[in-house]
Amino acid sequence: MDDFGFLVGIAFFAVVYGIFHLYVRRKERLALIEKGLTAAIFNSESNVSPSLKYGIFCIGIAIGFLMGEILAEFTHINEGVAYLSMIFLFGGIGLVIYYFISKKHARKE
């Protein structure tokens, strides 16, 4: 039950950050519109499908779950730490792989 309270705290701060981020972005876009500029600078220039990013990220998370299970089973590391560390590690690796794919695709165009 102690882990649940920790996750609720993280979720709370993530929601507060998300709302603040959306508010600031809205203010920036309104300021650009008032100056007569377009908000096109906020749009992604990459023609790589966003579903590729989410697919690679989900594959990384799945591999992280598997590696977390292996790490928890064969070492003396706490199960929660093993799962979280491997999920974040492989999810991040998946996003880095997507970055290099999109960078390579943008260079071709």
Protein backbone atom coordinates (compact mmCIF):
# COMPACT_ATOMS: atom_id res chain seq x y z
CA MET A 1 0.00 0.00 0.00
CA ASP A 2 2.99 2.28 0.56
CA ASP A 3 3.88 2.08 -3.15
CA PHE A 4 0.39 3.21 -4.10
CA GLY A 5 0.77 6.50 -2.22
CA PHE A 6 4.05 7.13 -4.01
CA LEU A 7 2.40 6.62 -7.40
CA VAL A 8 -0.48 8.92 -6.46
CA GLY A 9 2.03 11.64 -5.58
CA ILE A 10 3.86 11.21 -8.89
CA ALA A 11 0.57 11.25 -10.81
CA PHE A 12 -0.55 14.41 -9.01
CA PHE A 13 2.62 16.32 -9.89
CA ALA A 14 2.49 15.03 -13.48
CA VAL A 15 -1.06 16.35 -13.88
CA VAL A 16 -0.14 19.73 -12.35
CA TYR A 17 2.87 19.98 -14.69
CA GLY A 18 0.73 19.02 -17.70
CA ILE A 19 -1.89 21.64 -16.96
CA PHE A 20 0.78 24.31 -16.40
CA HIS A 21 2.55 23.33 -19.64
CA LEU A 22 -0.67 23.55 -21.66
CA TYR A 23 -1.49 26.94 -20.11
CA VAL A 24 1.95 28.36 -20.96
CA ARG A 25 1.83 26.99 -24.51
CA ARG A 26 -1.60 28.54 -25.05
CA LYS A 27 -0.30 31.92 -23.85
CA GLU A 28 2.69 31.66 -26.21
CA ARG A 29 0.46 30.86 -29.19
CA LEU A 30 -1.90 33.73 -28.39
CA ALA A 31 1.05 36.13 -28.17
CA LEU A 32 2.26 34.95 -31.58
CA ILE A 33 -1.18 35.43 -33.10
CA GLU A 34 -1.40 38.95 -31.63
CA LYS A 35 1.91 39.82 -33.29
CA GLY A 36 0.63 38.51 -36.62
CA LEU A 37 2.91 35.47 -36.71
CA THR A 38 1.85 31.88 -37.17
CA ALA A 39 2.15 29.12 -34.63
CA ALA A 40 3.78 26.86 -37.21
CA ILE A 41 7.01 26.77 -35.21
CA PHE A 42 5.28 24.47 -32.73
CA ASN A 43 4.44 21.90 -35.40
CA SER A 44 6.74 18.97 -35.92
CA GLU A 45 8.67 19.05 -39.19
CA SER A 46 9.26 15.31 -39.24
CA ASN A 47 7.34 13.29 -41.80
CA VAL A 48 7.99 10.09 -39.86
CA SER A 49 4.76 8.59 -38.60
CA PRO A 50 4.06 9.32 -34.92
CA SER A 51 2.72 5.80 -34.58
CA LEU A 52 6.29 4.62 -35.18
CA LYS A 53 7.38 6.55 -32.09
CA TYR A 54 4.65 5.03 -29.95
CA GLY A 55 5.30 1.57 -31.36
CA ILE A 56 9.01 1.69 -30.61
CA PHE A 57 8.27 3.13 -27.16
CA CYS A 58 5.78 0.35 -26.35
CA ILE A 59 8.22 -2.30 -27.56
CA GLY A 60 10.84 -0.75 -25.27
CA ILE A 61 8.44 -0.88 -22.34
CA ALA A 62 7.60 -4.53 -23.05
CA ILE A 63 11.29 -5.42 -23.18
CA GLY A 64 11.70 -3.46 -19.94
CA PHE A 65 9.03 -5.60 -18.27
CA LEU A 66 10.76 -8.77 -19.42
CA MET A 67 14.20 -7.57 -18.33
CA GLY A 68 12.77 -6.39 -15.01
CA GLU A 69 11.38 -9.88 -14.38
CA ILE A 70 14.72 -11.45 -15.25
CA LEU A 71 16.59 -8.95 -13.05
CA ALA A 72 14.23 -9.50 -10.10
CA GLU A 73 14.40 -13.28 -10.47
CA PHE A 74 18.15 -13.76 -10.74
CA THR A 75 19.53 -10.96 -8.53
CA HIS A 76 18.88 -9.67 -5.04
CA ILE A 77 17.45 -6.38 -6.31
CA ASN A 78 14.02 -5.38 -5.03
CA GLU A 79 11.28 -6.32 -7.51
CA GLY A 80 9.82 -2.82 -7.76
CA VAL A 81 13.20 -1.25 -8.41
CA ALA A 82 14.04 -3.88 -11.03
CA TYR A 83 10.80 -3.32 -12.94
CA LEU A 84 10.83 0.48 -12.84
CA SER A 85 14.48 0.81 -13.76
CA MET A 86 14.23 -1.56 -16.71
CA ILE A 87 10.96 -0.02 -17.98
CA PHE A 88 12.43 3.49 -17.93
CA LEU A 89 15.74 2.30 -19.38
CA PHE A 90 14.27 0.44 -22.35
CA GLY A 91 11.48 2.97 -22.90
CA GLY A 92 14.14 5.68 -23.11
CA ILE A 93 16.25 3.57 -25.44
CA GLY A 94 13.19 3.20 -27.68
CA LEU A 95 12.72 6.98 -27.82
CA VAL A 96 16.40 7.51 -28.62
CA ILE A 97 16.12 4.98 -31.46
CA TYR A 98 13.10 6.89 -32.79
CA TYR A 99 15.09 10.14 -32.62
CA PHE A 100 17.86 8.70 -34.79
CA ILE A 101 15.34 7.25 -37.26
CA SER A 102 13.53 10.59 -37.62
CA LYS A 103 16.83 12.46 -37.91
CA LYS A 104 17.98 10.11 -40.67
CA HIS A 105 14.63 10.48 -42.45
CA ALA A 106 14.77 14.29 -42.23
CA ARG A 107 18.30 14.30 -43.69
CA LYS A 108 17.08 12.36 -46.76
CA GLU A 109 14.47 15.02 -47.54
